[in-house]
Amino acid sequence: MRFLRIALAVASLAVSTAFASPTDPKEGVEFVTLAAPQPTKATGKKVEVIEFFMYHCPHCYTLEPHLAEWVKKQGDNVLLRRVHFASSGTDPEAHLHLTLEAMGKAEEMHPKVLHAFHVERLRLNKEEAILEWIPKQGIDKAKFLEYWNSFGVLTKLKSASQLTQNYKVDSAPTVVVDGRFVTSPSVVAEANPGVTKATEYLVFKQALDALVSKVQKEKGAAAAPAKAPAKASATPAKSVGK
């Protein structure tokens, strides 16, 4: 995460007297602010939260249940968007995500694709492998190919690298709040001494809570009541490191 770490190192000079705290994140410590904020798609009181991820990324896989739980708890406060970090304008994994997104199946299929990569150990990083796997998920292959080869999907795929450049993202997972506040689990953890593998995602969610509240206060919008979890969460997945 070269950009974020360099930006944090530079910005920290201006906040050297600030103490890190995930519940009160500081500019240049737990997050950086983009010099050129990007447009958001959230409306009303909702705050846009973008996760830049990669299907094959073990850290993204580990983050997934924690982020899903956080989004569910936030409820109407946030609008989650996922952007697959593309290594090129022909990245098969990014192509898969954009195709599923165009079909309206991205969120439904997200955990399934991650499971295929990290549990089943399938290498869905080539078109042939993807097209062999898709029908097994109950998706019509012909329909999938129609979207896969569509002008809209191919245009987004070609511009995917530019999108990550606009957000100054160079690794995954990276989370951007309101098109301007850039952070990640590892950055928040490293800024707060004493954070362990067991508490890394807890403090990250605290930082996200604070950033969402910050945006809502700026907008003069009252946060919606957080939703209580229906049942106790399952044991968090073991972190594979930063």
Protein backbone atom coordinates (compact mmCIF):
# COMPACT_ATOMS: atom_id res chain seq x y z
CA MET A 1 0.00 0.00 0.00
CA ARG A 2 2.72 2.39 -1.14
CA PHE A 3 0.64 5.57 -1.64
CA LEU A 4 -1.22 5.30 1.64
CA ARG A 5 1.89 4.59 3.69
CA ILE A 6 3.88 7.43 2.10
CA ALA A 7 0.97 9.85 2.50
CA LEU A 8 0.55 8.82 6.13
CA ALA A 9 4.25 9.28 6.81
CA VAL A 10 4.19 12.79 5.34
CA ALA A 11 0.93 13.82 6.98
CA SER A 12 2.00 12.48 10.37
CA LEU A 13 4.55 15.30 10.62
CA ALA A 14 1.62 17.70 10.99
CA VAL A 15 -0.08 15.61 13.67
CA SER A 16 2.92 14.44 15.64
CA THR A 17 1.21 15.44 18.89
CA ALA A 18 -1.96 13.51 18.07
CA PHE A 19 -2.54 10.19 19.78
CA ALA A 20 -3.83 7.40 17.60
CA SER A 21 -7.28 6.11 18.43
CA PRO A 22 -9.56 4.01 16.21
CA THR A 23 -12.62 5.62 17.80
CA ASP A 24 -11.26 9.07 16.95
CA PRO A 25 -9.11 8.50 13.84
CA LYS A 26 -6.64 11.21 12.91
CA GLU A 27 -5.69 12.49 9.48
CA GLY A 28 -2.26 11.14 8.64
CA VAL A 29 -2.49 8.45 11.30
CA GLU A 30 -5.43 6.09 10.65
CA PHE A 31 -6.42 7.60 7.30
CA VAL A 32 -5.46 10.11 4.62
CA THR A 33 -7.68 12.48 2.71
CA LEU A 34 -7.53 12.55 -1.09
CA ALA A 35 -6.39 15.87 -2.50
CA ALA A 36 -9.02 15.43 -5.22
CA PRO A 37 -12.17 13.89 -3.67
CA GLN A 38 -14.05 11.56 -6.00
CA PRO A 39 -17.80 11.76 -6.76
CA THR A 40 -19.99 9.41 -4.75
CA LYS A 41 -23.16 7.52 -5.55
CA ALA A 42 -24.75 7.69 -2.12
CA THR A 43 -27.89 9.78 -1.71
CA GLY A 44 -29.57 11.37 1.29
CA LYS A 45 -27.99 10.57 4.63
CA LYS A 46 -26.15 7.52 3.34
CA VAL A 47 -22.36 7.56 3.20
CA GLU A 48 -20.58 5.77 0.38
CA VAL A 49 -18.02 3.19 1.42
CA ILE A 50 -15.90 1.58 -1.31
CA GLU A 51 -13.88 -1.57 -0.77
CA PHE A 52 -11.08 -2.03 -3.27
CA PHE A 53 -10.42 -5.76 -3.24
CA MET A 54 -9.07 -8.69 -5.24
CA TYR A 55 -10.67 -12.12 -5.29
CA HIS A 56 -7.35 -13.94 -4.86
CA CYS A 57 -6.18 -11.65 -2.01
CA PRO A 58 -6.02 -13.59 1.31
CA HIS A 59 -6.35 -10.38 3.33
CA CYS A 60 -9.55 -9.48 1.44
CA TYR A 61 -10.90 -12.94 2.19
CA THR A 62 -10.12 -12.54 5.89
CA LEU A 63 -11.71 -9.08 5.99
CA GLU A 64 -14.93 -10.15 4.24
CA PRO A 65 -17.00 -11.50 7.18
CA HIS A 66 -16.01 -8.55 9.35
CA LEU A 67 -16.88 -5.99 6.69
CA ALA A 68 -20.18 -7.75 5.94
CA GLU A 69 -21.07 -7.69 9.64
CA TRP A 70 -20.16 -4.00 9.88
CA VAL A 71 -22.27 -3.06 6.83
CA LYS A 72 -25.24 -4.98 8.22
CA LYS A 73 -24.92 -3.18 11.56
CA GLN A 74 -24.64 0.23 9.87
CA GLY A 75 -27.85 -0.45 7.96
CA ASP A 76 -29.19 2.67 6.26
CA ASN A 77 -26.14 4.72 7.19
CA VAL A 78 -23.93 3.43 4.40
CA LEU A 79 -23.89 2.42 0.76
CA LEU A 80 -21.26 -0.25 0.14
CA ARG A 81 -19.63 -0.51 -3.25
CA ARG A 82 -16.95 -2.98 -4.25
CA VAL A 83 -14.30 -2.26 -6.84
CA HIS A 84 -12.00 -5.04 -7.96
CA PHE A 85 -8.40 -3.82 -8.07
CA ALA A 86 -7.39 -4.48 -11.69
CA SER A 87 -3.80 -5.36 -12.53
CA SER A 88 -4.44 -4.57 -16.20
CA GLY A 89 -7.17 -3.63 -18.66
CA THR A 90 -7.80 -7.32 -19.28
CA ASP A 91 -7.63 -8.64 -15.70
CA PRO A 92 -9.86 -11.80 -15.68
CA GLU A 93 -10.79 -11.45 -12.00
CA ALA A 94 -11.85 -7.82 -12.43
CA HIS A 95 -13.67 -8.91 -15.60
CA LEU A 96 -15.55 -11.53 -13.57
CA HIS A 97 -16.58 -9.00 -10.93
CA LEU A 98 -17.75 -6.42 -13.48
CA THR A 99 -19.75 -9.07 -15.34
CA LEU A 100 -21.47 -10.26 -12.16
CA GLU A 101 -22.10 -6.65 -11.23
CA ALA A 102 -23.73 -5.95 -14.61
CA MET A 103 -25.92 -9.01 -14.10
CA GLY A 104 -26.98 -7.81 -10.66
CA LYS A 105 -25.31 -10.80 -9.03
CA ALA A 106 -22.09 -9.29 -7.63
CA GLU A 107 -23.13 -9.22 -3.97
CA GLU A 108 -24.82 -12.61 -4.12
CA MET A 109 -21.77 -14.21 -5.74
CA HIS A 110 -19.06 -12.36 -3.81
CA PRO A 111 -18.72 -14.89 -0.94
CA LYS A 112 -19.00 -17.77 -3.40
CA VAL A 113 -16.12 -16.52 -5.53
CA LEU A 114 -13.99 -15.94 -2.44
CA HIS A 115 -14.84 -19.44 -1.21
CA ALA A 116 -13.85 -20.90 -4.57
CA PHE A 117 -10.45 -19.19 -4.42
CA HIS A 118 -9.55 -19.65 -0.77
CA VAL A 119 -11.35 -22.82 0.33
CA GLU A 120 -11.76 -24.85 -2.84
CA ARG A 121 -8.40 -23.56 -4.12
CA LEU A 122 -9.75 -22.94 -7.61
CA ARG A 123 -7.70 -20.66 -9.84
CA LEU A 124 -10.38 -18.50 -11.40
CA ASN A 125 -7.82 -16.17 -12.92
CA LYS A 126 -8.29 -17.22 -16.53
CA GLU A 127 -11.29 -16.89 -18.80
CA GLU A 128 -11.44 -20.63 -19.47
CA ALA A 129 -11.55 -21.49 -15.76
CA ILE A 130 -14.21 -18.85 -15.08
CA LEU A 131 -16.45 -20.03 -17.91
CA GLU A 132 -16.15 -23.62 -16.68
CA TRP A 133 -17.07 -22.62 -13.13
CA ILE A 134 -19.97 -20.25 -13.84
CA PRO A 135 -22.56 -22.87 -14.98
CA LYS A 136 -21.87 -24.87 -11.81
CA GLN A 137 -23.19 -21.88 -9.86
CA GLY A 138 -26.57 -22.01 -11.59
CA ILE A 139 -25.76 -19.15 -13.95
CA ASP A 140 -26.60 -19.55 -17.63
CA LYS A 141 -23.29 -19.56 -19.50
CA ALA A 142 -24.70 -17.95 -22.64
CA LYS A 143 -26.24 -15.12 -20.62
CA PHE A 144 -23.01 -14.67 -18.70
CA LEU A 145 -21.03 -14.45 -21.94
CA GLU A 146 -23.47 -11.87 -23.26
CA TYR A 147 -22.59 -9.59 -20.35
CA TRP A 148 -18.92 -10.64 -20.34
CA ASN A 149 -18.52 -9.39 -23.92
CA SER A 150 -20.82 -6.38 -23.58
CA PHE A 151 -19.65 -2.89 -24.44
CA GLY A 152 -20.46 -1.60 -20.96
CA VAL A 153 -18.44 -4.25 -19.12
CA LEU A 154 -15.46 -4.03 -21.48
CA THR A 155 -15.42 -0.24 -21.21
CA LYS A 156 -15.38 -0.38 -17.41
CA LEU A 157 -12.65 -3.04 -17.51
CA LYS A 158 -10.42 -0.88 -19.70
CA SER A 159 -10.87 2.10 -17.38
CA ALA A 160 -10.46 0.11 -14.15
CA SER A 161 -6.80 1.00 -13.75
CA GLN A 162 -7.60 4.69 -14.11
CA LEU A 163 -10.25 4.35 -11.41
CA THR A 164 -7.74 2.99 -8.89
CA GLN A 165 -5.34 5.78 -9.83
CA ASN A 166 -8.05 8.38 -9.18
CA TYR A 167 -8.46 7.00 -5.67
CA LYS A 168 -4.69 6.62 -5.21
CA VAL A 169 -5.16 2.94 -4.42
CA ASP A 170 -2.23 0.63 -5.06
CA SER A 171 -3.10 -2.46 -3.02
CA ALA A 172 -5.98 -4.38 -1.50
CA PRO A 173 -7.88 -4.31 0.70
CA THR A 174 -8.27 -0.54 0.79
CA VAL A 175 -11.43 1.22 1.94
CA VAL A 176 -12.50 4.72 0.87
CA VAL A 177 -15.19 6.59 2.81
CA ASP A 178 -17.18 9.34 1.11
CA GLY A 179 -14.85 9.41 -1.88
CA ARG A 180 -12.05 11.01 0.14
CA PHE A 181 -10.98 9.23 3.33
CA VAL A 182 -8.61 6.34 2.51
CA THR A 183 -7.73 3.66 5.05
CA SER A 184 -7.14 -0.07 5.54
CA PRO A 185 -7.11 -2.65 8.37
CA SER A 186 -3.32 -2.84 8.45
CA VAL A 187 -2.88 0.94 8.55
CA VAL A 188 -5.30 1.32 11.48
CA ALA A 189 -3.68 -1.60 13.31
CA GLU A 190 -0.16 -0.28 12.84
CA ALA A 191 -1.21 3.16 14.09
CA ASN A 192 -2.54 1.70 17.33
CA PRO A 193 0.06 -0.12 19.45
CA GLY A 194 -1.21 -3.19 21.21
CA VAL A 195 -3.57 -4.27 18.45
CA THR A 196 -3.37 -8.01 17.89
CA LYS A 197 -4.57 -10.31 15.12
CA ALA A 198 -7.63 -11.00 17.24
CA THR A 199 -8.55 -7.31 17.57
CA GLU A 200 -7.31 -5.94 14.22
CA TYR A 201 -10.70 -5.96 12.54
CA LEU A 202 -12.50 -4.71 15.64
CA VAL A 203 -10.41 -1.52 15.72
CA PHE A 204 -10.76 -1.15 11.95
CA LYS A 205 -14.55 -1.21 12.25
CA GLN A 206 -14.31 1.37 15.03
CA ALA A 207 -12.34 3.63 12.71
CA LEU A 208 -14.92 3.15 9.95
CA ASP A 209 -17.72 3.97 12.41
CA ALA A 210 -15.96 7.21 13.30
CA LEU A 211 -15.34 8.21 9.68
CA VAL A 212 -18.97 7.57 8.73
CA SER A 213 -20.12 9.65 11.72
CA LYS A 214 -17.69 12.41 10.70
CA VAL A 215 -19.22 12.58 7.22
CA GLN A 216 -22.77 12.55 8.55
CA LYS A 217 -22.01 15.39 10.96
CA GLU A 218 -20.58 17.40 8.08
CA LYS A 219 -23.77 16.75 6.12
CA GLY A 220 -25.91 17.55 9.13
CA ALA A 221 -27.53 14.13 8.92
CA ALA A 222 -28.43 12.08 11.95
CA ALA A 223 -27.14 8.53 11.91
CA ALA A 224 -29.69 5.76 11.73
CA PRO A 225 -29.81 3.52 14.81
CA ALA A 226 -27.31 0.69 14.52
CA LYS A 227 -28.87 -2.70 14.03
CA ALA A 228 -28.27 -5.23 16.78
CA PRO A 229 -26.90 -8.51 15.47
CA ALA A 230 -29.51 -11.24 15.25
CA LYS A 231 -27.21 -13.74 16.91
CA ALA A 232 -23.69 -14.04 18.15
CA SER A 233 -21.11 -13.82 15.42
CA ALA A 234 -19.18 -16.87 14.42
CA THR A 235 -15.51 -17.10 15.40
CA PRO A 236 -13.66 -14.64 13.18
CA ALA A 237 -11.49 -16.08 10.46
CA LYS A 238 -7.84 -16.24 11.45
CA SER A 239 -5.86 -13.38 9.99
CA VAL A 240 -3.20 -14.31 7.51
CA GLY A 241 -1.22 -11.21 8.28
CA LYS A 242 -0.80 -7.82 6.80
